[in-house]
Amino acid sequence: MSRTKINEAETLLAIHLTENEIDFEREVQLDPKRKWRWDFLVGCGRSPFAVEVQGGIWRKKGAHNTGVAITRDCQKMRAAIMADYTPVNFTVQEVLTGTAIKWFLQYFEKERTR
């Protein structure tokens, strides 16, 4: 998956979130000691999410499918939890097909009815 396709998906997710009036920030570093950046921080209050749009998942040696990369991703997810965010990952395809925004809408609707 090319970086262009990933950027396209990230741009589309930002559009979807904006259209649905869901608060978000892009490219956020939660842990100042690490270089990790989350593609999005979504929502606020009781249910903030640290969101990654995962590209390159079908490559033999992609950014998220080697032993070192998986270990780094696990550390990054735990750091998000320690910062009171729930980590959520979507594939590029899930963003492009609308699955990601549908998930957020379902989640926030569920939260509103609690």
C-alpha atoms as a PDB file:
ATOM      1  CA  MET A   1       0.000   0.000   0.000  1.00  0.00           C
ATOM      2  CA  SER A   2       1.494   3.312  -1.014  1.00  0.00           C
ATOM      3  CA  ARG A   3       1.906   6.238   1.367  1.00  0.00           C
ATOM      4  CA  THR A   4      -0.368   8.181  -1.024  1.00  0.00           C
ATOM      5  CA  LYS A   5      -3.213   5.721  -0.417  1.00  0.00           C
ATOM      6  CA  ILE A   6      -2.678   5.945   3.338  1.00  0.00           C
ATOM      7  CA  ASN A   7      -2.735   9.757   3.225  1.00  0.00           C
ATOM      8  CA  GLU A   8      -5.899   9.545   1.120  1.00  0.00           C
ATOM      9  CA  ALA A   9      -7.517   7.379   3.796  1.00  0.00           C
ATOM     10  CA  GLU A  10      -6.383   9.674   6.614  1.00  0.00           C
ATOM     11  CA  THR A  11      -7.751  12.699   4.755  1.00  0.00           C
ATOM     12  CA  LEU A  12     -11.054  10.907   4.172  1.00  0.00           C
ATOM     13  CA  LEU A  13     -11.347   9.940   7.840  1.00  0.00           C
ATOM     14  CA  ALA A  14     -10.761  13.584   8.810  1.00  0.00           C
ATOM     15  CA  ILE A  15     -13.537  14.614   6.405  1.00  0.00           C
ATOM     16  CA  HIS A  16     -15.901  11.969   7.814  1.00  0.00           C
ATOM     17  CA  LEU A  17     -15.193  13.015  11.397  1.00  0.00           C
ATOM     18  CA  THR A  18     -15.696  16.697  10.550  1.00  0.00           C
ATOM     19  CA  GLU A  19     -18.952  16.031   8.674  1.00  0.00           C
ATOM     20  CA  ASN A  20     -20.270  14.145  11.695  1.00  0.00           C
ATOM     21  CA  GLU A  21     -19.096  16.799  14.172  1.00  0.00           C
ATOM     22  CA  ILE A  22     -16.801  14.401  16.000  1.00  0.00           C
ATOM     23  CA  ASP A  23     -13.888  16.137  17.734  1.00  0.00           C
ATOM     24  CA  PHE A  24     -10.423  15.033  16.662  1.00  0.00           C
ATOM     25  CA  GLU A  25      -6.782  16.041  16.403  1.00  0.00           C
ATOM     26  CA  ARG A  26      -4.288  14.755  13.838  1.00  0.00           C
ATOM     27  CA  GLU A  27      -0.708  13.530  14.220  1.00  0.00           C
ATOM     28  CA  VAL A  28      -0.531  13.702  18.005  1.00  0.00           C
ATOM     29  CA  GLN A  29       2.368  12.625  20.181  1.00  0.00           C
ATOM     30  CA  LEU A  30       1.012  11.315  23.509  1.00  0.00           C
ATOM     31  CA  ASP A  31       4.336  10.400  25.094  1.00  0.00           C
ATOM     32  CA  PRO A  32       6.959  13.182  24.892  1.00  0.00           C
ATOM     33  CA  LYS A  33       9.717  10.640  25.609  1.00  0.00           C
ATOM     34  CA  ARG A  34       8.893   8.632  22.468  1.00  0.00           C
ATOM     35  CA  LYS A  35       8.660   9.620  18.809  1.00  0.00           C
ATOM     36  CA  TRP A  36       5.348   7.798  18.372  1.00  0.00           C
ATOM     37  CA  ARG A  37       2.580   9.750  16.757  1.00  0.00           C
ATOM     38  CA  TRP A  38      -1.021   8.660  16.522  1.00  0.00           C
ATOM     39  CA  ASP A  39      -2.785   9.460  13.258  1.00  0.00           C
ATOM     40  CA  PHE A  40      -5.792  10.777  15.194  1.00  0.00           C
ATOM     41  CA  LEU A  41      -7.045  11.433  18.692  1.00  0.00           C
ATOM     42  CA  VAL A  42     -10.821  11.129  18.453  1.00  0.00           C
ATOM     43  CA  GLY A  43     -13.528  12.123  20.899  1.00  0.00           C
ATOM     44  CA  CYS A  44     -13.245  13.500  24.360  1.00  0.00           C
ATOM     45  CA  GLY A  45     -14.591  12.931  27.825  1.00  0.00           C
ATOM     46  CA  ARG A  46     -15.202   9.326  28.803  1.00  0.00           C
ATOM     47  CA  SER A  47     -14.303   7.805  25.469  1.00  0.00           C
ATOM     48  CA  PRO A  48     -11.210   9.254  23.797  1.00  0.00           C
ATOM     49  CA  PHE A  49      -9.491   7.097  21.195  1.00  0.00           C
ATOM     50  CA  ALA A  50      -5.932   6.994  19.848  1.00  0.00           C
ATOM     51  CA  VAL A  51      -6.435   5.956  16.224  1.00  0.00           C
ATOM     52  CA  GLU A  52      -4.059   4.469  13.663  1.00  0.00           C
ATOM     53  CA  VAL A  53      -4.831   3.951   9.993  1.00  0.00           C
ATOM     54  CA  GLN A  54      -2.762   0.863   9.184  1.00  0.00           C
ATOM     55  CA  GLY A  55      -1.206   0.712   5.738  1.00  0.00           C
ATOM     56  CA  GLY A  56       1.286  -1.761   4.333  1.00  0.00           C
ATOM     57  CA  ILE A  57      -0.339  -4.709   6.072  1.00  0.00           C
ATOM     58  CA  TRP A  58       0.155  -7.058   3.104  1.00  0.00           C
ATOM     59  CA  ARG A  59       3.863  -6.359   2.600  1.00  0.00           C
ATOM     60  CA  LYS A  60       6.378  -9.041   3.519  1.00  0.00           C
ATOM     61  CA  LYS A  61       8.317  -6.564   5.616  1.00  0.00           C
ATOM     62  CA  GLY A  62       5.954  -3.698   6.343  1.00  0.00           C
ATOM     63  CA  ALA A  63       6.008  -1.149   9.117  1.00  0.00           C
ATOM     64  CA  HIS A  64       3.730  -3.203  11.351  1.00  0.00           C
ATOM     65  CA  ASN A  65       4.405  -6.881  10.663  1.00  0.00           C
ATOM     66  CA  THR A  66       7.934  -7.710  11.785  1.00  0.00           C
ATOM     67  CA  GLY A  67       8.800  -8.846  15.294  1.00  0.00           C
ATOM     68  CA  VAL A  68      10.423  -5.519  16.137  1.00  0.00           C
ATOM     69  CA  ALA A  69       7.512  -3.547  14.667  1.00  0.00           C
ATOM     70  CA  ILE A  70       4.863  -5.598  16.464  1.00  0.00           C
ATOM     71  CA  THR A  71       6.731  -5.141  19.754  1.00  0.00           C
ATOM     72  CA  ARG A  72       6.914  -1.374  19.144  1.00  0.00           C
ATOM     73  CA  ASP A  73       3.179  -1.267  18.313  1.00  0.00           C
ATOM     74  CA  CYS A  74       2.369  -3.156  21.537  1.00  0.00           C
ATOM     75  CA  GLN A  75       4.398  -0.631  23.550  1.00  0.00           C
ATOM     76  CA  LYS A  76       2.667   2.246  21.762  1.00  0.00           C
ATOM     77  CA  MET A  77      -0.788   0.810  22.536  1.00  0.00           C
ATOM     78  CA  ARG A  78       0.040   0.359  26.217  1.00  0.00           C
ATOM     79  CA  ALA A  79       1.339   3.944  26.371  1.00  0.00           C
ATOM     80  CA  ALA A  80      -1.977   5.177  24.930  1.00  0.00           C
ATOM     81  CA  ILE A  81      -3.876   3.270  27.603  1.00  0.00           C
ATOM     82  CA  MET A  82      -1.659   4.789  30.317  1.00  0.00           C
ATOM     83  CA  ALA A  83      -2.540   8.223  28.871  1.00  0.00           C
ATOM     84  CA  ASP A  84      -6.255   7.318  29.227  1.00  0.00           C
ATOM     85  CA  TYR A  85      -6.876   6.701  25.518  1.00  0.00           C
ATOM     86  CA  THR A  86      -8.291   3.555  23.973  1.00  0.00           C
ATOM     87  CA  PRO A  87      -6.185   2.463  20.981  1.00  0.00           C
ATOM     88  CA  VAL A  88      -8.191   1.684  17.832  1.00  0.00           C
ATOM     89  CA  ASN A  89      -6.752   0.542  14.509  1.00  0.00           C
ATOM     90  CA  PHE A  90      -8.399   0.638  11.094  1.00  0.00           C
ATOM     91  CA  THR A  91      -7.045  -0.575   7.788  1.00  0.00           C
ATOM     92  CA  VAL A  92      -6.900   1.805   4.835  1.00  0.00           C
ATOM     93  CA  GLN A  93      -9.672  -0.246   3.210  1.00  0.00           C
ATOM     94  CA  GLU A  94     -11.904   0.117   6.285  1.00  0.00           C
ATOM     95  CA  VAL A  95     -11.553   3.889   6.113  1.00  0.00           C
ATOM     96  CA  LEU A  96     -12.117   4.043   2.346  1.00  0.00           C
ATOM     97  CA  THR A  97     -15.273   1.888   2.533  1.00  0.00           C
ATOM     98  CA  GLY A  98     -16.778   3.870   5.417  1.00  0.00           C
ATOM     99  CA  THR A  99     -16.395   1.107   8.005  1.00  0.00           C
ATOM    100  CA  ALA A 100     -14.325   3.343  10.299  1.00  0.00           C
ATOM    101  CA  ILE A 101     -16.792   6.239  10.469  1.00  0.00           C
ATOM    102  CA  LYS A 102     -19.709   3.811  10.868  1.00  0.00           C
ATOM    103  CA  TRP A 103     -17.929   2.275  13.849  1.00  0.00           C
ATOM    104  CA  PHE A 104     -17.423   5.684  15.482  1.00  0.00           C
ATOM    105  CA  LEU A 105     -21.047   6.652  14.873  1.00  0.00           C
ATOM    106  CA  GLN A 106     -22.281   3.394  16.393  1.00  0.00           C
ATOM    107  CA  TYR A 107     -19.971   3.777  19.373  1.00  0.00           C
ATOM    108  CA  PHE A 108     -20.913   7.383  20.141  1.00  0.00           C
ATOM    109  CA  GLU A 109     -24.619   6.596  19.699  1.00  0.00           C
ATOM    110  CA  LYS A 110     -24.243   3.789  22.228  1.00  0.00           C
ATOM    111  CA  GLU A 111     -22.489   6.214  24.609  1.00  0.00           C
ATOM    112  CA  ARG A 112     -25.291   8.789  24.242  1.00  0.00           C
ATOM    113  CA  THR A 113     -27.942   6.246  25.211  1.00  0.00           C
ATOM    114  CA  ARG A 114     -26.166   5.134  28.393  1.00  0.00           C
END
